[in-house]
N, C-alpha and C. Protein backbone atom coordinates (compact mmCIF):
# COMPACT_ATOMS: atom_id res chain seq x y z
N UNK A 1 60.67 -72.43 1.97
CA UNK A 1 59.75 -72.97 0.98
C UNK A 1 59.86 -72.17 -0.31
N UNK A 2 60.13 -72.86 -1.42
CA UNK A 2 60.18 -72.20 -2.73
C UNK A 2 58.77 -72.06 -3.26
N UNK A 3 58.41 -70.85 -3.70
CA UNK A 3 57.07 -70.61 -4.22
C UNK A 3 57.05 -70.87 -5.72
N UNK A 4 56.67 -72.07 -6.11
CA UNK A 4 56.55 -72.42 -7.51
C UNK A 4 55.26 -71.82 -8.07
N UNK A 5 55.14 -71.81 -9.38
CA UNK A 5 53.91 -71.33 -10.02
C UNK A 5 52.70 -72.12 -9.51
N UNK A 6 52.86 -73.42 -9.34
CA UNK A 6 51.76 -74.27 -8.87
C UNK A 6 51.34 -73.90 -7.45
N UNK A 7 52.32 -73.62 -6.59
CA UNK A 7 51.99 -73.23 -5.21
C UNK A 7 51.30 -71.88 -5.17
N UNK A 8 51.79 -70.94 -5.99
CA UNK A 8 51.14 -69.63 -6.06
C UNK A 8 49.72 -69.75 -6.58
N UNK A 9 49.52 -70.53 -7.63
CA UNK A 9 48.19 -70.70 -8.19
C UNK A 9 47.25 -71.32 -7.16
N UNK A 10 47.75 -72.26 -6.36
CA UNK A 10 46.94 -72.86 -5.30
C UNK A 10 46.52 -71.82 -4.27
N UNK A 11 47.46 -70.92 -3.91
CA UNK A 11 47.13 -69.82 -2.98
C UNK A 11 46.06 -68.92 -3.58
N UNK A 12 46.23 -68.55 -4.84
CA UNK A 12 45.29 -67.63 -5.50
C UNK A 12 43.89 -68.24 -5.61
N UNK A 13 43.84 -69.53 -5.90
CA UNK A 13 42.53 -70.19 -6.02
C UNK A 13 41.87 -70.34 -4.65
N UNK A 14 42.66 -70.75 -3.67
CA UNK A 14 42.11 -70.96 -2.32
C UNK A 14 41.55 -69.67 -1.73
N UNK A 15 42.22 -68.56 -1.98
CA UNK A 15 41.78 -67.28 -1.41
C UNK A 15 40.82 -66.52 -2.33
N UNK A 16 40.51 -67.10 -3.49
CA UNK A 16 39.60 -66.48 -4.47
C UNK A 16 40.17 -65.16 -5.03
N UNK A 17 41.48 -65.09 -5.12
CA UNK A 17 42.12 -63.91 -5.71
C UNK A 17 41.91 -63.85 -7.21
N UNK A 18 41.79 -65.00 -7.84
CA UNK A 18 41.60 -65.09 -9.28
C UNK A 18 40.10 -65.19 -9.55
N UNK A 19 39.54 -64.20 -10.26
CA UNK A 19 38.09 -64.11 -10.46
C UNK A 19 37.72 -64.06 -11.93
N UNK A 20 36.50 -64.51 -12.24
CA UNK A 20 35.96 -64.44 -13.60
C UNK A 20 34.69 -63.60 -13.60
N UNK A 21 34.46 -62.88 -14.72
CA UNK A 21 33.28 -62.03 -14.85
C UNK A 21 33.51 -61.01 -15.94
N UNK A 22 33.10 -59.77 -15.67
CA UNK A 22 33.29 -58.64 -16.60
C UNK A 22 33.76 -57.47 -15.76
N UNK A 23 35.03 -57.13 -15.90
CA UNK A 23 35.65 -56.18 -15.00
C UNK A 23 36.22 -54.98 -15.73
N UNK A 24 36.09 -53.80 -15.09
CA UNK A 24 36.80 -52.63 -15.56
C UNK A 24 38.07 -52.53 -14.73
N UNK A 25 39.22 -52.61 -15.41
CA UNK A 25 40.50 -52.56 -14.73
C UNK A 25 40.87 -51.11 -14.40
N UNK A 26 41.85 -50.92 -13.53
CA UNK A 26 42.29 -49.57 -13.16
C UNK A 26 42.75 -48.78 -14.39
N UNK A 27 43.22 -49.49 -15.41
CA UNK A 27 43.68 -48.84 -16.64
C UNK A 27 42.53 -48.33 -17.50
N UNK A 28 41.29 -48.73 -17.16
CA UNK A 28 40.13 -48.37 -17.99
C UNK A 28 39.78 -49.46 -18.99
N UNK A 29 40.68 -50.44 -19.15
CA UNK A 29 40.40 -51.56 -20.05
C UNK A 29 39.43 -52.53 -19.39
N UNK A 30 38.78 -53.35 -20.21
CA UNK A 30 37.85 -54.36 -19.71
C UNK A 30 38.45 -55.75 -19.87
N UNK A 31 38.05 -56.67 -18.99
CA UNK A 31 38.55 -58.04 -19.06
C UNK A 31 37.51 -59.00 -18.50
N UNK A 32 37.59 -60.25 -18.94
CA UNK A 32 36.74 -61.30 -18.40
C UNK A 32 37.34 -61.95 -17.17
N UNK A 33 38.54 -61.51 -16.80
CA UNK A 33 39.22 -62.03 -15.60
C UNK A 33 39.73 -60.85 -14.77
N UNK A 34 39.78 -61.08 -13.48
CA UNK A 34 40.32 -60.06 -12.59
C UNK A 34 41.16 -60.74 -11.54
N UNK A 35 42.26 -60.11 -11.22
CA UNK A 35 43.11 -60.63 -10.17
C UNK A 35 43.04 -59.67 -9.01
N UNK A 36 42.44 -60.10 -7.91
CA UNK A 36 42.26 -59.26 -6.73
C UNK A 36 43.24 -59.69 -5.65
N UNK A 37 44.43 -59.08 -5.67
CA UNK A 37 45.47 -59.44 -4.69
C UNK A 37 45.01 -59.26 -3.25
N UNK A 38 44.12 -58.31 -3.02
CA UNK A 38 43.64 -58.07 -1.65
C UNK A 38 43.06 -59.33 -1.03
N UNK A 39 42.58 -60.25 -1.87
CA UNK A 39 41.99 -61.48 -1.35
C UNK A 39 43.01 -62.37 -0.65
N UNK A 40 44.26 -62.36 -1.10
CA UNK A 40 45.25 -63.15 -0.35
C UNK A 40 46.10 -62.27 0.55
N UNK A 41 46.22 -60.97 0.24
CA UNK A 41 47.00 -60.08 1.09
C UNK A 41 46.34 -59.82 2.44
N UNK A 42 45.05 -60.15 2.55
CA UNK A 42 44.36 -59.95 3.83
C UNK A 42 44.82 -60.95 4.90
N UNK A 43 45.56 -61.97 4.48
CA UNK A 43 46.07 -62.97 5.42
C UNK A 43 47.56 -62.72 5.64
N UNK A 44 47.95 -62.11 6.76
CA UNK A 44 49.35 -61.73 6.98
C UNK A 44 50.38 -62.83 6.72
N UNK A 45 50.17 -64.07 7.17
CA UNK A 45 51.20 -65.09 6.89
C UNK A 45 51.38 -65.35 5.39
N UNK A 46 50.28 -65.34 4.64
CA UNK A 46 50.36 -65.55 3.19
C UNK A 46 51.02 -64.35 2.54
N UNK A 47 50.60 -63.14 2.92
CA UNK A 47 51.19 -61.92 2.36
C UNK A 47 52.70 -61.89 2.60
N UNK A 48 53.11 -62.24 3.81
CA UNK A 48 54.54 -62.22 4.15
C UNK A 48 55.31 -63.24 3.31
N UNK A 49 54.75 -64.42 3.13
CA UNK A 49 55.43 -65.47 2.36
C UNK A 49 55.58 -65.08 0.90
N UNK A 50 54.48 -64.60 0.29
CA UNK A 50 54.51 -64.24 -1.14
C UNK A 50 55.42 -63.04 -1.37
N UNK A 51 55.31 -62.01 -0.55
CA UNK A 51 56.13 -60.82 -0.72
C UNK A 51 57.61 -61.09 -0.45
N UNK A 52 57.90 -61.97 0.47
CA UNK A 52 59.29 -62.33 0.76
C UNK A 52 59.93 -62.96 -0.47
N UNK A 53 59.16 -63.77 -1.20
CA UNK A 53 59.69 -64.41 -2.42
C UNK A 53 60.08 -63.36 -3.46
N UNK A 54 59.29 -62.28 -3.58
CA UNK A 54 59.64 -61.22 -4.53
C UNK A 54 60.82 -60.40 -4.00
N UNK A 55 60.84 -60.14 -2.70
CA UNK A 55 61.93 -59.36 -2.09
C UNK A 55 63.28 -60.02 -2.34
N UNK A 56 63.33 -61.35 -2.27
CA UNK A 56 64.58 -62.08 -2.47
C UNK A 56 65.22 -61.75 -3.82
N UNK A 57 64.41 -61.47 -4.81
CA UNK A 57 64.92 -61.20 -6.16
C UNK A 57 65.62 -59.84 -6.27
N UNK A 58 65.44 -59.00 -5.24
CA UNK A 58 66.03 -57.65 -5.29
C UNK A 58 67.06 -57.41 -4.20
N UNK A 59 67.37 -58.42 -3.40
CA UNK A 59 68.33 -58.24 -2.31
C UNK A 59 69.67 -57.70 -2.80
N UNK A 60 70.14 -58.24 -3.92
CA UNK A 60 71.46 -57.84 -4.43
C UNK A 60 71.48 -56.39 -4.91
N UNK A 61 70.31 -55.79 -5.14
CA UNK A 61 70.22 -54.40 -5.59
C UNK A 61 70.33 -53.42 -4.42
N UNK A 62 70.29 -53.93 -3.20
CA UNK A 62 70.43 -53.14 -1.98
C UNK A 62 69.52 -51.90 -1.92
N UNK A 63 68.21 -52.08 -2.07
CA UNK A 63 67.32 -50.91 -1.96
C UNK A 63 67.34 -50.35 -0.55
N UNK A 64 67.11 -49.05 -0.44
CA UNK A 64 67.03 -48.41 0.88
C UNK A 64 65.58 -48.06 1.23
N UNK A 65 64.73 -48.04 0.23
CA UNK A 65 63.31 -47.75 0.45
C UNK A 65 62.50 -48.47 -0.62
N UNK A 66 61.30 -48.90 -0.23
CA UNK A 66 60.38 -49.54 -1.17
C UNK A 66 59.17 -48.64 -1.31
N UNK A 67 58.79 -48.35 -2.57
CA UNK A 67 57.65 -47.47 -2.85
C UNK A 67 56.62 -48.23 -3.68
N UNK A 68 55.37 -48.16 -3.24
CA UNK A 68 54.28 -48.75 -4.02
C UNK A 68 53.23 -47.70 -4.31
N UNK A 69 52.61 -47.77 -5.48
CA UNK A 69 51.51 -46.85 -5.77
C UNK A 69 50.27 -47.24 -4.96
N UNK A 70 49.61 -46.24 -4.37
CA UNK A 70 48.38 -46.51 -3.62
C UNK A 70 47.29 -46.87 -4.63
N UNK A 71 46.46 -47.74 -4.33
CA UNK A 71 46.26 -48.37 -3.05
C UNK A 71 46.82 -49.80 -3.07
N UNK A 72 46.87 -50.38 -4.27
CA UNK A 72 47.29 -51.77 -4.40
C UNK A 72 48.70 -52.05 -3.93
N UNK A 73 49.58 -51.06 -4.00
CA UNK A 73 50.97 -51.28 -3.63
C UNK A 73 51.29 -51.04 -2.16
N UNK A 74 50.32 -50.62 -1.37
CA UNK A 74 50.60 -50.26 0.03
C UNK A 74 51.05 -51.48 0.85
N UNK A 75 50.23 -52.51 0.89
CA UNK A 75 50.57 -53.70 1.67
C UNK A 75 51.82 -54.38 1.09
N UNK A 76 51.88 -54.42 -0.25
CA UNK A 76 53.02 -55.07 -0.91
C UNK A 76 54.32 -54.35 -0.57
N UNK A 77 54.31 -53.01 -0.63
CA UNK A 77 55.54 -52.27 -0.31
C UNK A 77 55.94 -52.50 1.15
N UNK A 78 54.98 -52.54 2.03
CA UNK A 78 55.26 -52.76 3.46
C UNK A 78 55.90 -54.13 3.68
N UNK A 79 55.28 -55.17 3.12
CA UNK A 79 55.79 -56.53 3.35
C UNK A 79 57.15 -56.75 2.70
N UNK A 80 57.36 -56.19 1.51
CA UNK A 80 58.65 -56.35 0.85
C UNK A 80 59.73 -55.57 1.61
N UNK A 81 59.38 -54.37 2.06
CA UNK A 81 60.33 -53.58 2.85
C UNK A 81 60.68 -54.31 4.16
N UNK A 82 59.71 -54.92 4.76
CA UNK A 82 59.96 -55.67 6.00
C UNK A 82 60.92 -56.83 5.73
N UNK A 83 60.71 -57.53 4.62
CA UNK A 83 61.58 -58.65 4.27
C UNK A 83 63.01 -58.18 3.98
N UNK A 84 63.14 -56.96 3.45
CA UNK A 84 64.46 -56.43 3.10
C UNK A 84 65.11 -55.64 4.23
N UNK A 85 64.33 -55.34 5.29
CA UNK A 85 64.86 -54.57 6.41
C UNK A 85 65.04 -53.09 6.11
N UNK A 86 64.18 -52.55 5.22
CA UNK A 86 64.23 -51.12 4.88
C UNK A 86 62.86 -50.51 5.15
N UNK A 87 62.70 -49.21 4.87
CA UNK A 87 61.39 -48.63 5.14
C UNK A 87 60.52 -48.58 3.89
N UNK A 88 59.21 -48.48 4.12
CA UNK A 88 58.22 -48.52 3.05
C UNK A 88 57.41 -47.24 3.04
N UNK A 89 57.15 -46.74 1.83
CA UNK A 89 56.25 -45.60 1.66
C UNK A 89 55.39 -45.89 0.44
N UNK A 90 54.41 -45.01 0.20
CA UNK A 90 53.61 -45.17 -1.00
C UNK A 90 53.33 -43.83 -1.64
N UNK A 91 53.12 -43.89 -2.95
CA UNK A 91 52.80 -42.69 -3.73
C UNK A 91 51.31 -42.70 -4.04
N UNK A 92 50.75 -41.49 -4.14
CA UNK A 92 49.32 -41.36 -4.44
C UNK A 92 49.12 -40.55 -5.70
N UNK A 93 48.08 -40.90 -6.43
CA UNK A 93 47.77 -40.19 -7.67
C UNK A 93 47.00 -38.90 -7.33
N UNK A 94 47.53 -37.77 -7.80
CA UNK A 94 46.88 -36.48 -7.63
C UNK A 94 46.85 -35.82 -9.01
N UNK A 95 45.66 -35.57 -9.53
CA UNK A 95 45.52 -34.99 -10.87
C UNK A 95 46.33 -35.77 -11.90
N UNK A 96 46.18 -37.08 -11.90
CA UNK A 96 46.79 -38.00 -12.87
C UNK A 96 48.30 -38.18 -12.69
N UNK A 97 48.91 -37.52 -11.71
CA UNK A 97 50.35 -37.67 -11.48
C UNK A 97 50.58 -38.27 -10.09
N UNK A 98 51.64 -39.04 -9.96
CA UNK A 98 51.99 -39.64 -8.68
C UNK A 98 52.75 -38.62 -7.82
N UNK A 99 52.40 -38.59 -6.53
CA UNK A 99 53.05 -37.69 -5.59
C UNK A 99 53.30 -38.42 -4.28
N UNK A 100 54.33 -37.96 -3.56
CA UNK A 100 54.54 -38.42 -2.20
C UNK A 100 53.81 -37.44 -1.29
N UNK A 101 52.98 -37.96 -0.41
CA UNK A 101 52.22 -37.13 0.52
C UNK A 101 52.45 -37.67 1.92
N UNK A 102 51.68 -37.19 2.89
CA UNK A 102 51.70 -37.67 4.27
C UNK A 102 53.08 -37.58 4.92
N UNK A 103 53.90 -36.66 4.45
CA UNK A 103 55.22 -36.48 5.02
C UNK A 103 56.26 -37.45 4.49
N UNK A 104 55.90 -38.31 3.54
CA UNK A 104 56.87 -39.24 2.96
C UNK A 104 57.89 -38.47 2.14
N UNK A 105 59.12 -38.95 2.16
CA UNK A 105 60.18 -38.30 1.38
C UNK A 105 61.25 -39.32 1.02
N UNK A 106 61.93 -39.06 -0.08
CA UNK A 106 63.12 -39.83 -0.44
C UNK A 106 64.22 -38.82 -0.73
N UNK A 107 65.45 -39.27 -0.61
CA UNK A 107 66.58 -38.37 -0.84
C UNK A 107 67.38 -38.84 -2.06
N UNK A 108 68.33 -38.01 -2.45
CA UNK A 108 69.18 -38.36 -3.60
C UNK A 108 70.06 -39.57 -3.30
N UNK A 109 70.22 -39.90 -2.02
CA UNK A 109 71.04 -41.06 -1.64
C UNK A 109 70.24 -42.37 -1.70
N UNK A 110 68.92 -42.27 -1.82
CA UNK A 110 68.09 -43.48 -1.77
C UNK A 110 68.19 -44.31 -3.04
N UNK A 111 68.11 -45.63 -2.80
CA UNK A 111 68.03 -46.63 -3.87
C UNK A 111 66.63 -47.22 -3.75
N UNK A 112 65.77 -46.92 -4.72
CA UNK A 112 64.33 -47.17 -4.59
C UNK A 112 63.88 -48.39 -5.39
N UNK A 113 63.18 -49.27 -4.70
CA UNK A 113 62.51 -50.40 -5.34
C UNK A 113 61.04 -50.06 -5.44
N UNK A 114 60.49 -50.12 -6.64
CA UNK A 114 59.07 -49.85 -6.88
C UNK A 114 58.35 -51.19 -6.96
N UNK A 115 57.25 -51.32 -6.21
CA UNK A 115 56.51 -52.59 -6.22
C UNK A 115 55.03 -52.35 -6.43
N UNK A 116 54.40 -53.36 -7.03
CA UNK A 116 52.96 -53.33 -7.33
C UNK A 116 52.37 -54.68 -6.96
N UNK A 117 51.06 -54.69 -6.76
CA UNK A 117 50.38 -55.97 -6.59
C UNK A 117 50.15 -56.61 -7.96
N UNK A 118 49.49 -55.87 -8.87
CA UNK A 118 49.19 -56.38 -10.21
C UNK A 118 49.55 -55.32 -11.24
N UNK A 119 50.13 -55.73 -12.34
CA UNK A 119 50.42 -54.81 -13.44
C UNK A 119 49.61 -55.21 -14.66
N UNK A 120 48.92 -54.22 -15.25
CA UNK A 120 48.18 -54.43 -16.49
C UNK A 120 48.86 -53.70 -17.64
N UNK A 121 49.19 -52.43 -17.41
CA UNK A 121 49.90 -51.64 -18.44
C UNK A 121 51.27 -51.19 -17.94
N UNK A 122 51.46 -51.16 -16.63
CA UNK A 122 52.71 -50.68 -16.05
C UNK A 122 52.74 -49.17 -15.85
N UNK A 123 51.64 -48.48 -16.18
CA UNK A 123 51.64 -47.02 -16.10
C UNK A 123 51.90 -46.49 -14.69
N UNK A 124 51.24 -47.07 -13.69
CA UNK A 124 51.43 -46.57 -12.32
C UNK A 124 52.87 -46.72 -11.87
N UNK A 125 53.47 -47.88 -12.14
CA UNK A 125 54.87 -48.10 -11.75
C UNK A 125 55.80 -47.13 -12.49
N UNK A 126 55.52 -46.90 -13.77
CA UNK A 126 56.36 -45.95 -14.54
C UNK A 126 56.26 -44.55 -13.96
N UNK A 127 55.04 -44.15 -13.59
CA UNK A 127 54.85 -42.80 -13.04
C UNK A 127 55.56 -42.66 -11.69
N UNK A 128 55.54 -43.72 -10.89
CA UNK A 128 56.27 -43.69 -9.62
C UNK A 128 57.77 -43.58 -9.91
N UNK A 129 58.24 -44.33 -10.89
CA UNK A 129 59.66 -44.27 -11.27
C UNK A 129 60.07 -42.89 -11.74
N UNK A 130 59.21 -42.24 -12.52
CA UNK A 130 59.49 -40.87 -12.99
C UNK A 130 59.56 -39.91 -11.80
N UNK A 131 58.65 -40.09 -10.84
CA UNK A 131 58.65 -39.26 -9.64
C UNK A 131 59.95 -39.46 -8.86
N UNK A 132 60.34 -40.71 -8.66
CA UNK A 132 61.57 -41.02 -7.92
C UNK A 132 62.78 -40.37 -8.59
N UNK A 133 62.87 -40.50 -9.90
CA UNK A 133 64.01 -39.92 -10.61
C UNK A 133 63.97 -38.39 -10.60
N UNK A 134 62.78 -37.82 -10.65
CA UNK A 134 62.65 -36.36 -10.59
C UNK A 134 63.13 -35.84 -9.23
N UNK A 135 63.03 -36.66 -8.20
CA UNK A 135 63.49 -36.28 -6.87
C UNK A 135 64.98 -36.58 -6.68
N UNK A 136 65.61 -37.11 -7.73
CA UNK A 136 67.05 -37.33 -7.69
C UNK A 136 67.51 -38.67 -7.16
N UNK A 137 66.56 -39.55 -6.80
CA UNK A 137 66.93 -40.87 -6.28
C UNK A 137 67.10 -41.86 -7.44
N UNK A 138 67.67 -43.01 -7.12
CA UNK A 138 67.91 -44.04 -8.14
C UNK A 138 66.87 -45.14 -8.04
N UNK A 139 66.26 -45.51 -9.16
CA UNK A 139 65.35 -46.66 -9.21
C UNK A 139 66.20 -47.90 -9.43
N UNK A 140 66.13 -48.85 -8.49
CA UNK A 140 66.93 -50.07 -8.63
C UNK A 140 66.14 -51.23 -9.21
N UNK A 141 64.82 -51.04 -9.35
CA UNK A 141 64.03 -52.08 -9.96
C UNK A 141 62.55 -51.89 -9.76
N UNK A 142 61.79 -52.69 -10.50
CA UNK A 142 60.34 -52.74 -10.40
C UNK A 142 59.96 -54.20 -10.16
N UNK A 143 59.20 -54.44 -9.10
CA UNK A 143 58.76 -55.80 -8.79
C UNK A 143 57.25 -55.86 -8.70
N UNK A 144 56.68 -56.94 -9.19
CA UNK A 144 55.22 -57.09 -9.16
C UNK A 144 54.88 -58.52 -8.76
N UNK A 145 53.81 -58.66 -8.01
CA UNK A 145 53.36 -60.00 -7.64
C UNK A 145 52.76 -60.71 -8.84
N UNK A 146 51.88 -60.00 -9.58
CA UNK A 146 51.21 -60.61 -10.73
C UNK A 146 51.28 -59.70 -11.94
N UNK A 147 51.84 -60.22 -13.02
CA UNK A 147 51.92 -59.52 -14.30
C UNK A 147 50.83 -60.10 -15.19
N UNK A 148 49.77 -59.32 -15.42
CA UNK A 148 48.67 -59.85 -16.22
C UNK A 148 48.81 -59.52 -17.70
N UNK A 149 50.02 -59.10 -18.13
CA UNK A 149 50.24 -58.81 -19.55
C UNK A 149 50.77 -60.02 -20.30
N UNK A 150 50.96 -61.13 -19.59
CA UNK A 150 51.57 -62.28 -20.24
C UNK A 150 53.05 -62.08 -20.47
N UNK A 151 53.66 -61.16 -19.73
CA UNK A 151 55.09 -60.89 -19.86
C UNK A 151 55.42 -59.83 -20.90
N UNK A 152 54.41 -59.14 -21.43
CA UNK A 152 54.65 -58.15 -22.49
C UNK A 152 55.14 -56.81 -21.97
N UNK A 153 54.78 -56.45 -20.74
CA UNK A 153 55.18 -55.14 -20.21
C UNK A 153 56.69 -55.11 -19.98
N UNK A 154 57.30 -53.97 -20.29
CA UNK A 154 58.75 -53.79 -20.12
C UNK A 154 59.02 -52.48 -19.39
N UNK A 155 60.15 -52.41 -18.72
CA UNK A 155 60.52 -51.20 -18.00
C UNK A 155 61.89 -50.68 -18.39
N UNK A 156 62.32 -51.01 -19.59
CA UNK A 156 63.56 -50.46 -20.13
C UNK A 156 64.76 -50.70 -19.24
N UNK A 157 65.36 -49.61 -18.78
CA UNK A 157 66.61 -49.68 -18.01
C UNK A 157 66.43 -50.20 -16.59
N UNK A 158 65.20 -50.27 -16.11
CA UNK A 158 64.96 -50.75 -14.75
C UNK A 158 64.81 -52.27 -14.74
N UNK A 159 65.49 -52.91 -13.80
CA UNK A 159 65.32 -54.36 -13.62
C UNK A 159 63.86 -54.63 -13.29
N UNK A 160 63.29 -55.64 -13.94
CA UNK A 160 61.88 -55.98 -13.72
C UNK A 160 61.75 -57.45 -13.35
N UNK A 161 61.07 -57.70 -12.23
CA UNK A 161 60.83 -59.07 -11.77
C UNK A 161 59.35 -59.23 -11.44
N UNK A 162 58.82 -60.39 -11.78
CA UNK A 162 57.42 -60.71 -11.45
C UNK A 162 57.38 -62.12 -10.89
N UNK A 163 56.48 -62.32 -9.92
CA UNK A 163 56.34 -63.65 -9.35
C UNK A 163 55.48 -64.56 -10.21
N UNK A 164 54.44 -63.99 -10.79
CA UNK A 164 53.43 -64.80 -11.48
C UNK A 164 52.99 -64.04 -12.72
N UNK A 165 52.86 -64.75 -13.83
CA UNK A 165 52.46 -64.12 -15.09
C UNK A 165 51.17 -64.75 -15.59
N UNK A 166 50.23 -63.89 -15.97
CA UNK A 166 48.97 -64.33 -16.58
C UNK A 166 48.84 -63.62 -17.92
N UNK A 167 48.17 -64.26 -18.86
CA UNK A 167 48.01 -63.64 -20.17
C UNK A 167 46.56 -63.41 -20.53
N UNK A 168 45.80 -62.83 -19.62
CA UNK A 168 44.39 -62.59 -19.90
C UNK A 168 44.20 -61.51 -20.94
N UNK A 169 43.22 -61.71 -21.80
CA UNK A 169 42.88 -60.71 -22.80
C UNK A 169 42.20 -59.53 -22.14
N UNK A 170 42.45 -58.33 -22.65
CA UNK A 170 41.72 -57.17 -22.19
C UNK A 170 41.36 -56.33 -23.41
N UNK A 171 40.32 -55.50 -23.24
CA UNK A 171 39.74 -54.78 -24.37
C UNK A 171 39.48 -53.33 -24.01
N UNK A 172 39.47 -52.47 -25.01
CA UNK A 172 38.97 -51.12 -24.79
C UNK A 172 37.46 -51.25 -24.62
N UNK A 173 36.81 -50.35 -23.90
CA UNK A 173 35.35 -50.46 -23.73
C UNK A 173 34.60 -50.53 -25.06
N UNK A 174 35.11 -49.83 -26.07
CA UNK A 174 34.45 -49.81 -27.39
C UNK A 174 34.48 -51.17 -28.08
N UNK A 175 35.56 -51.95 -27.83
CA UNK A 175 35.72 -53.24 -28.49
C UNK A 175 35.44 -54.44 -27.60
N UNK A 176 34.88 -54.20 -26.43
CA UNK A 176 34.70 -55.27 -25.45
C UNK A 176 33.52 -56.19 -25.83
N UNK A 177 33.79 -57.49 -26.05
CA UNK A 177 32.70 -58.41 -26.38
C UNK A 177 31.73 -58.61 -25.22
N UNK A 178 32.20 -58.48 -23.98
CA UNK A 178 31.33 -58.63 -22.82
C UNK A 178 30.35 -57.47 -22.72
N UNK A 179 30.79 -56.27 -23.11
CA UNK A 179 29.87 -55.13 -23.15
C UNK A 179 28.79 -55.38 -24.20
N UNK A 180 29.21 -55.89 -25.36
CA UNK A 180 28.26 -56.16 -26.45
C UNK A 180 27.23 -57.20 -26.03
N UNK A 181 27.65 -58.13 -25.15
CA UNK A 181 26.74 -59.17 -24.64
C UNK A 181 25.94 -58.67 -23.44
N UNK A 182 26.18 -57.42 -23.03
CA UNK A 182 25.48 -56.80 -21.89
C UNK A 182 25.71 -57.54 -20.57
N UNK A 183 26.89 -58.10 -20.42
CA UNK A 183 27.27 -58.72 -19.15
C UNK A 183 27.52 -57.59 -18.16
N UNK A 184 26.93 -57.63 -16.96
CA UNK A 184 27.13 -56.54 -15.99
C UNK A 184 28.61 -56.27 -15.73
N UNK A 185 28.96 -54.99 -15.74
CA UNK A 185 30.34 -54.56 -15.55
C UNK A 185 30.61 -54.30 -14.08
N UNK A 186 31.69 -54.89 -13.58
CA UNK A 186 32.07 -54.71 -12.18
C UNK A 186 33.31 -53.83 -12.12
N UNK A 187 33.29 -52.86 -11.20
CA UNK A 187 34.43 -52.01 -10.90
C UNK A 187 35.01 -52.56 -9.60
N UNK A 188 35.98 -53.45 -9.69
CA UNK A 188 36.42 -54.21 -8.51
C UNK A 188 36.85 -53.38 -7.32
N UNK A 189 37.42 -52.20 -7.55
CA UNK A 189 37.86 -51.40 -6.42
C UNK A 189 36.73 -51.05 -5.48
N UNK A 190 35.53 -50.83 -6.03
CA UNK A 190 34.42 -50.42 -5.20
C UNK A 190 33.27 -51.42 -5.28
N UNK A 191 33.42 -52.45 -6.13
CA UNK A 191 32.39 -53.44 -6.35
C UNK A 191 31.09 -52.83 -6.84
N UNK A 192 31.17 -51.66 -7.51
CA UNK A 192 29.96 -51.12 -8.13
C UNK A 192 29.65 -51.96 -9.35
N UNK A 193 28.40 -52.06 -9.70
CA UNK A 193 27.99 -52.79 -10.90
C UNK A 193 27.14 -51.87 -11.74
N UNK A 194 27.33 -51.96 -13.07
CA UNK A 194 26.44 -51.21 -13.93
C UNK A 194 26.22 -52.03 -15.18
N UNK A 195 25.03 -51.95 -15.74
CA UNK A 195 24.72 -52.65 -16.97
C UNK A 195 25.10 -51.75 -18.13
N UNK A 196 25.86 -52.29 -19.06
CA UNK A 196 26.27 -51.52 -20.23
C UNK A 196 25.19 -51.64 -21.28
N UNK A 197 24.73 -50.48 -21.81
CA UNK A 197 23.67 -50.50 -22.82
C UNK A 197 24.23 -50.17 -24.19
């Protein structure tokens, strides 16, 4: 089954992955829309189908390991690695820098595919790429399920593929019209709510 934009959008709507409100994104920016991949990734058959479609785009790059930034990239890296027949690990942020922990390691012989669930600025994927290169391995590409930059994010020398592109507006907290309207702010990772004054 080919996953067209229409089929993906139907999956996202059915699982309520695409949300409206006032959200603080992981980047610190605010938006009136939020894409919560966990809503469809919680269903293994759907996760496998969507991730397999992204994995197909990197088969020719012959990755040996798939790395995703925690926490959003954990399930994605696992499912893409499974589709490619390689192993999956994830990087964690420690003092603003990405690190491999829990005994995870890559070698200079590894060809690393970096994957994310959603990209807003691309910072997490870039930091994982810098970590991979600092360890002497080769980055063969960056893959994301949903690019919410409208296709504006770039990764220079690394091949970049996305399954779905959205162009939602986002704002700094200082310039956010939803803050000015006092719409309750949601921190989707923890579902905390606070009223902005």
